[in-house]
């Protein structure tokens, strides 16, 4: 069984992946890192990257690699604020779901 991935969760995972790279990281590597934990296609991730950039959570720069330009994504201060909010919300969500699934009440 596979759980569906909502927009907020995907945004949180992408921001977490990018935040782990001080100098930023490129789209294909982001795709591979995200795919290591959830089933998602490149055609899904690139619009997420563009939206996060438009929302001011990511910035981009290009760097030459093997004779071609490679676009890198780097988290912005606003992106870190958003990621921290997602992390706080995740902890609450996880606690609520675990309580429901495993009967751990307050």
N, C-alpha and C. Protein backbone atom coordinates (compact mmCIF):
# COMPACT_ATOMS: atom_id res chain seq x y z
N UNK A 1 0.84 -1.17 0.00
CA UNK A 1 0.00 0.00 0.00
C UNK A 1 0.89 1.25 0.00
N UNK A 2 0.45 2.24 -0.70
CA UNK A 2 1.20 3.48 -0.79
C UNK A 2 0.29 4.64 -0.39
N UNK A 3 0.82 5.54 0.42
CA UNK A 3 0.06 6.71 0.82
C UNK A 3 0.23 7.80 -0.23
N UNK A 4 -0.79 8.60 -0.44
CA UNK A 4 -0.68 9.68 -1.41
C UNK A 4 0.18 10.80 -0.84
N UNK A 5 0.83 11.50 -1.73
CA UNK A 5 1.70 12.59 -1.35
C UNK A 5 1.04 13.91 -1.69
N UNK A 6 0.75 14.69 -0.67
CA UNK A 6 0.15 15.99 -0.89
C UNK A 6 1.19 17.03 -1.24
N UNK A 7 0.70 18.17 -1.71
CA UNK A 7 1.58 19.25 -2.13
C UNK A 7 2.48 19.72 -1.00
N UNK A 8 1.92 19.92 0.18
CA UNK A 8 2.71 20.43 1.30
C UNK A 8 3.82 19.46 1.68
N UNK A 9 3.52 18.16 1.69
CA UNK A 9 4.54 17.18 2.04
C UNK A 9 5.65 17.16 0.99
N UNK A 10 5.28 17.22 -0.26
CA UNK A 10 6.29 17.24 -1.33
C UNK A 10 7.14 18.51 -1.23
N UNK A 11 6.51 19.64 -0.99
CA UNK A 11 7.27 20.89 -0.81
C UNK A 11 8.25 20.75 0.35
N UNK A 12 7.79 20.20 1.46
CA UNK A 12 8.64 20.04 2.64
C UNK A 12 9.83 19.14 2.33
N UNK A 13 9.60 18.04 1.64
CA UNK A 13 10.69 17.12 1.31
C UNK A 13 11.70 17.79 0.37
N UNK A 14 11.20 18.49 -0.64
CA UNK A 14 12.11 19.17 -1.58
C UNK A 14 12.93 20.23 -0.84
N UNK A 15 12.29 21.03 0.00
CA UNK A 15 13.03 22.04 0.75
C UNK A 15 14.07 21.39 1.67
N UNK A 16 13.72 20.27 2.29
CA UNK A 16 14.67 19.58 3.16
C UNK A 16 15.86 19.07 2.37
N UNK A 17 15.61 18.50 1.20
CA UNK A 17 16.70 18.00 0.35
C UNK A 17 17.63 19.15 -0.03
N UNK A 18 17.06 20.25 -0.51
CA UNK A 18 17.87 21.38 -0.96
C UNK A 18 18.61 22.02 0.21
N UNK A 19 17.99 22.07 1.37
CA UNK A 19 18.62 22.70 2.53
C UNK A 19 19.85 21.92 3.00
N UNK A 20 19.92 20.65 2.66
CA UNK A 20 21.05 19.83 3.06
C UNK A 20 22.32 20.09 2.27
N UNK A 21 22.23 20.91 1.25
CA UNK A 21 23.38 21.22 0.39
C UNK A 21 23.70 22.71 0.50
N UNK A 22 24.78 23.05 1.16
CA UNK A 22 25.14 24.44 1.41
C UNK A 22 25.22 25.27 0.13
N UNK A 23 25.81 24.71 -0.91
CA UNK A 23 25.98 25.44 -2.17
C UNK A 23 24.82 25.22 -3.13
N UNK A 24 23.81 24.51 -2.69
CA UNK A 24 22.68 24.19 -3.56
C UNK A 24 22.89 22.87 -4.26
N UNK A 25 21.89 22.45 -4.99
CA UNK A 25 21.96 21.18 -5.71
C UNK A 25 21.12 21.30 -6.97
N UNK A 26 21.32 20.37 -7.89
CA UNK A 26 20.67 20.47 -9.19
C UNK A 26 19.46 19.54 -9.28
N UNK A 27 18.61 19.81 -10.25
CA UNK A 27 17.32 19.15 -10.37
C UNK A 27 17.35 17.64 -10.39
N UNK A 28 18.26 17.05 -11.18
CA UNK A 28 18.30 15.59 -11.28
C UNK A 28 18.65 14.96 -9.93
N UNK A 29 19.60 15.56 -9.21
CA UNK A 29 19.97 15.02 -7.89
C UNK A 29 18.82 15.17 -6.90
N UNK A 30 18.11 16.30 -6.97
CA UNK A 30 16.94 16.48 -6.11
C UNK A 30 15.93 15.38 -6.39
N UNK A 31 15.68 15.13 -7.67
CA UNK A 31 14.74 14.07 -8.07
C UNK A 31 15.16 12.73 -7.49
N UNK A 32 16.43 12.38 -7.61
CA UNK A 32 16.90 11.09 -7.10
C UNK A 32 16.77 11.01 -5.57
N UNK A 33 17.10 12.10 -4.89
CA UNK A 33 17.00 12.10 -3.42
C UNK A 33 15.54 11.95 -2.98
N UNK A 34 14.64 12.66 -3.62
CA UNK A 34 13.22 12.56 -3.26
C UNK A 34 12.70 11.17 -3.59
N UNK A 35 13.10 10.62 -4.73
CA UNK A 35 12.66 9.28 -5.13
C UNK A 35 13.14 8.20 -4.16
N UNK A 36 14.16 8.48 -3.39
CA UNK A 36 14.65 7.48 -2.44
C UNK A 36 13.64 7.24 -1.32
N UNK A 37 12.68 8.18 -1.13
CA UNK A 37 11.70 7.99 -0.07
C UNK A 37 10.26 7.99 -0.56
N UNK A 38 10.02 8.46 -1.80
CA UNK A 38 8.64 8.47 -2.30
C UNK A 38 8.64 8.33 -3.82
N UNK A 39 7.55 7.81 -4.33
CA UNK A 39 7.41 7.60 -5.76
C UNK A 39 6.91 8.88 -6.40
N UNK A 40 7.80 9.55 -7.14
CA UNK A 40 7.46 10.81 -7.79
C UNK A 40 8.28 10.93 -9.07
N UNK A 41 7.68 11.51 -10.09
CA UNK A 41 8.35 11.63 -11.38
C UNK A 41 9.03 12.99 -11.52
N UNK A 42 9.97 13.06 -12.47
CA UNK A 42 10.62 14.33 -12.77
C UNK A 42 9.60 15.36 -13.22
N UNK A 43 8.61 14.90 -13.98
CA UNK A 43 7.59 15.82 -14.50
C UNK A 43 6.76 16.42 -13.37
N UNK A 44 6.75 15.78 -12.21
CA UNK A 44 6.07 16.33 -11.04
C UNK A 44 6.99 17.28 -10.28
N UNK A 45 8.27 16.94 -10.19
CA UNK A 45 9.19 17.71 -9.36
C UNK A 45 9.60 19.05 -9.96
N UNK A 46 9.79 19.12 -11.26
CA UNK A 46 10.25 20.39 -11.83
C UNK A 46 9.22 21.52 -11.64
N UNK A 47 7.92 21.26 -11.79
CA UNK A 47 6.96 22.32 -11.46
C UNK A 47 7.00 22.72 -9.98
N UNK A 48 7.28 21.76 -9.10
CA UNK A 48 7.41 22.07 -7.67
C UNK A 48 8.60 23.01 -7.46
N UNK A 49 9.71 22.70 -8.11
CA UNK A 49 10.89 23.56 -7.99
C UNK A 49 10.61 24.97 -8.50
N UNK A 50 9.93 25.06 -9.64
CA UNK A 50 9.60 26.38 -10.20
C UNK A 50 8.66 27.16 -9.26
N UNK A 51 7.68 26.46 -8.69
CA UNK A 51 6.73 27.13 -7.78
C UNK A 51 7.43 27.60 -6.51
N UNK A 52 8.30 26.76 -5.96
CA UNK A 52 9.04 27.15 -4.75
C UNK A 52 9.96 28.34 -5.04
N UNK A 53 10.50 28.38 -6.24
CA UNK A 53 11.32 29.52 -6.63
C UNK A 53 10.45 30.77 -6.75
N UNK A 54 9.31 30.64 -7.41
CA UNK A 54 8.38 31.77 -7.57
C UNK A 54 7.91 32.30 -6.20
N UNK A 55 7.74 31.38 -5.25
CA UNK A 55 7.27 31.75 -3.90
C UNK A 55 8.39 32.31 -3.02
N UNK A 56 9.61 32.36 -3.54
CA UNK A 56 10.73 32.93 -2.79
C UNK A 56 11.39 31.97 -1.84
N UNK A 57 11.10 30.67 -1.96
CA UNK A 57 11.71 29.67 -1.08
C UNK A 57 13.03 29.13 -1.64
N UNK A 58 13.18 29.20 -2.94
CA UNK A 58 14.40 28.74 -3.60
C UNK A 58 14.91 29.82 -4.54
N UNK A 59 16.22 29.84 -4.72
CA UNK A 59 16.82 30.69 -5.74
C UNK A 59 17.65 29.78 -6.64
N UNK A 60 17.93 30.24 -7.84
CA UNK A 60 18.67 29.41 -8.79
C UNK A 60 19.91 30.13 -9.29
N UNK A 61 20.86 29.34 -9.74
CA UNK A 61 22.01 29.86 -10.47
C UNK A 61 22.48 28.75 -11.39
N UNK A 62 23.16 29.12 -12.45
CA UNK A 62 23.65 28.15 -13.42
C UNK A 62 25.16 28.02 -13.28
N UNK A 63 25.62 26.78 -13.49
CA UNK A 63 27.05 26.49 -13.44
C UNK A 63 27.36 25.50 -14.55
N UNK A 64 28.50 25.69 -15.18
CA UNK A 64 28.89 24.78 -16.26
C UNK A 64 29.30 23.43 -15.68
N UNK A 65 28.83 22.38 -16.34
CA UNK A 65 29.19 21.02 -15.96
C UNK A 65 29.27 20.20 -17.25
N UNK A 66 30.43 19.63 -17.52
CA UNK A 66 30.65 18.79 -18.71
C UNK A 66 30.23 19.51 -20.00
N UNK A 67 30.59 20.79 -20.07
CA UNK A 67 30.32 21.56 -21.28
C UNK A 67 28.90 22.09 -21.42
N UNK A 68 28.07 21.87 -20.42
CA UNK A 68 26.67 22.34 -20.46
C UNK A 68 26.37 23.11 -19.18
N UNK A 69 25.36 23.94 -19.25
CA UNK A 69 24.92 24.64 -18.04
C UNK A 69 24.02 23.72 -17.23
N UNK A 70 24.24 23.72 -15.94
CA UNK A 70 23.39 22.97 -15.02
C UNK A 70 22.77 23.96 -14.06
N UNK A 71 21.47 23.88 -13.87
CA UNK A 71 20.76 24.80 -12.97
C UNK A 71 20.80 24.22 -11.55
N UNK A 72 21.24 25.06 -10.64
CA UNK A 72 21.30 24.70 -9.23
C UNK A 72 20.22 25.44 -8.46
N UNK A 73 19.70 24.79 -7.45
CA UNK A 73 18.67 25.35 -6.58
C UNK A 73 19.26 25.47 -5.18
N UNK A 74 19.02 26.61 -4.57
CA UNK A 74 19.53 26.88 -3.22
C UNK A 74 18.38 27.43 -2.38
N UNK A 75 18.29 26.99 -1.15
CA UNK A 75 17.20 27.46 -0.28
C UNK A 75 17.48 28.90 0.17
N UNK A 76 16.44 29.69 0.24
CA UNK A 76 16.55 31.08 0.68
C UNK A 76 16.21 31.17 2.18
N UNK A 77 16.45 32.32 2.80
CA UNK A 77 16.02 32.48 4.19
C UNK A 77 14.51 32.26 4.35
N UNK A 78 13.72 32.74 3.41
CA UNK A 78 12.27 32.48 3.47
C UNK A 78 11.97 30.99 3.32
N UNK A 79 12.75 30.30 2.51
CA UNK A 79 12.59 28.86 2.36
C UNK A 79 12.89 28.13 3.66
N UNK A 80 13.90 28.60 4.41
CA UNK A 80 14.21 27.97 5.70
C UNK A 80 13.09 28.21 6.70
N UNK A 81 12.50 29.39 6.66
CA UNK A 81 11.36 29.67 7.54
C UNK A 81 10.20 28.73 7.21
N UNK A 82 9.93 28.57 5.92
CA UNK A 82 8.85 27.67 5.50
C UNK A 82 9.16 26.23 5.88
N UNK A 83 10.40 25.80 5.69
CA UNK A 83 10.80 24.44 6.06
C UNK A 83 10.63 24.22 7.56
N UNK A 84 11.02 25.18 8.37
CA UNK A 84 10.86 25.05 9.82
C UNK A 84 9.37 24.91 10.19
N UNK A 85 8.51 25.66 9.50
CA UNK A 85 7.07 25.56 9.74
C UNK A 85 6.57 24.17 9.35
N UNK A 86 7.01 23.67 8.19
CA UNK A 86 6.62 22.31 7.79
C UNK A 86 7.08 21.28 8.81
N UNK A 87 8.26 21.45 9.35
CA UNK A 87 8.79 20.51 10.34
C UNK A 87 7.92 20.51 11.60
N UNK A 88 7.54 21.71 12.06
CA UNK A 88 6.66 21.80 13.25
C UNK A 88 5.31 21.14 12.97
N UNK A 89 4.73 21.44 11.81
CA UNK A 89 3.45 20.85 11.45
C UNK A 89 3.55 19.33 11.32
N UNK A 90 4.67 18.83 10.78
CA UNK A 90 4.85 17.39 10.62
C UNK A 90 4.85 16.69 11.97
N UNK A 91 5.52 17.26 12.95
CA UNK A 91 5.57 16.63 14.26
C UNK A 91 4.17 16.48 14.86
N UNK A 92 3.35 17.51 14.73
CA UNK A 92 1.97 17.44 15.22
C UNK A 92 1.17 16.41 14.43
N UNK A 93 1.29 16.46 13.12
CA UNK A 93 0.56 15.53 12.24
C UNK A 93 0.95 14.09 12.55
N UNK A 94 2.25 13.85 12.66
CA UNK A 94 2.74 12.49 12.95
C UNK A 94 2.19 11.98 14.28
N UNK A 95 2.21 12.83 15.29
CA UNK A 95 1.69 12.44 16.61
C UNK A 95 0.21 12.09 16.51
N UNK A 96 -0.57 12.90 15.79
CA UNK A 96 -2.00 12.64 15.64
C UNK A 96 -2.26 11.33 14.90
N UNK A 97 -1.54 11.09 13.81
CA UNK A 97 -1.73 9.87 13.02
C UNK A 97 -1.32 8.65 13.83
N UNK A 98 -0.18 8.72 14.50
CA UNK A 98 0.25 7.59 15.32
C UNK A 98 -0.74 7.30 16.43
N UNK A 99 -1.31 8.34 17.02
CA UNK A 99 -2.31 8.15 18.05
C UNK A 99 -3.53 7.42 17.52
N UNK A 100 -3.92 7.78 16.30
CA UNK A 100 -5.08 7.14 15.69
C UNK A 100 -4.76 5.69 15.30
N UNK A 101 -3.61 5.49 14.68
CA UNK A 101 -3.26 4.14 14.20
C UNK A 101 -2.89 3.18 15.32
N UNK A 102 -2.23 3.67 16.35
CA UNK A 102 -1.71 2.79 17.38
C UNK A 102 -2.38 2.98 18.73
N UNK A 103 -3.37 3.85 18.81
CA UNK A 103 -4.12 4.02 20.04
C UNK A 103 -3.38 4.75 21.13
N UNK A 104 -2.41 5.55 20.75
CA UNK A 104 -1.67 6.34 21.75
C UNK A 104 -2.41 7.64 21.97
N UNK A 105 -3.20 7.70 22.99
CA UNK A 105 -3.98 8.90 23.28
C UNK A 105 -3.26 9.82 24.23
N UNK A 106 -3.81 10.99 24.38
CA UNK A 106 -3.21 11.95 25.31
C UNK A 106 -3.81 11.76 26.69
